[in-house]
């Protein structure tokens, strides 16, 4: 037991310090203390993460079993990508679509209440957005333009979807009601506007654009006003809102490497939390806003969002994470795709113990997972 505690003391510290917050305060404060401003020199978290901590003597209350369902894309049957749903232990797998031709470059997006999935599908060389009702299996087509519609993002009330489209001859941001009615163009600029991400608590939408000749982040307010969030020399993309809607995490790129930064929704207080550039995935906030999960293709890393440099690393030999990790509803696990034994499979990791569970086992591409609470 002593060896176990010493080996996993950082993980156990995570559990002991944040278990209550993760399970009881999913909408609590992000705990971020930042300084600086967008466009100004960026403060970087300490390169000396994780101070020495005393070993935890006992584990807290028993860790609850994983609940909910894991939804992912797979080409396991006939080479065509479709959506599947699995129990967290992988013993039950249900095929959700049979001819959807799901575009694997756009992960399925879970609705705020966890009952529906928005996804893109390419049929007859036309990419549109569809919504799947998980309980009934009914699929509804949301967009039907001849041009490509992609990158769906749900409104907080689950009644609308923001997306990017070429339908007016230029890449712009649009929204549409979930039933396909009232398509509305939100941006109108000669530059390309893409990758909209709707705030979880308001009608603010963050998106990427090259309006200044370089990919930066912009904020679209409900009144139609567009404000600049970043003006960094490096391209900025992959925005992700904090659960309380006060901050946005994003990747700032240099060639194939990136650093992960956080900025306030007002464009102030930019802080980069990764000490050195790496092959980081897009960031994923924990339910309580205390951690950002990233994949660097060798491990899943959790960075503290308060800038103290604390890092938790999750890894197992022979498992090479890929794509964007997704949190379980209880905040104790992360699901992700990984290269293993020459195949792409779905795994999830239990954060307090670094225990990995393989969810998919059939040969083929299994990826783009999300974790539904239902």
Foldseek 3Di string as FASTA:
>chain_A
DVVLQVVQVLLQVCCVPCLCCLFPPLQADLLADFAWFFPGDAAEFDPDADDDDDGDPDHPDDDDDFFFKKKWWWCLPPRAIFIWIAGQQQPDIGTLDDPQSFDRVAFWDAFLQLQKTWTWGADPNEIFIWMAGVVVSDIATQDDARWHWGQWEAELVRQKIWIWTCRPVATFIWMGGNNNPDIGTLDDDNWHWHNWYAQNPFRKIKIWTCNVPATFIWIQHPVSDIGGQHDDPFHKDLWDAQSNRQKIWIWGDDVQWTWIWMAGPVNTRIHTYHPDTANWARWEARSSNQWTWIFRQAWIKITGNHSNRYIATAHDPQWGFDHYWEAASSRQKIWTWTQHPNAIFIWMAGSSNSDIRTNDDRGTHIGSMYGGND
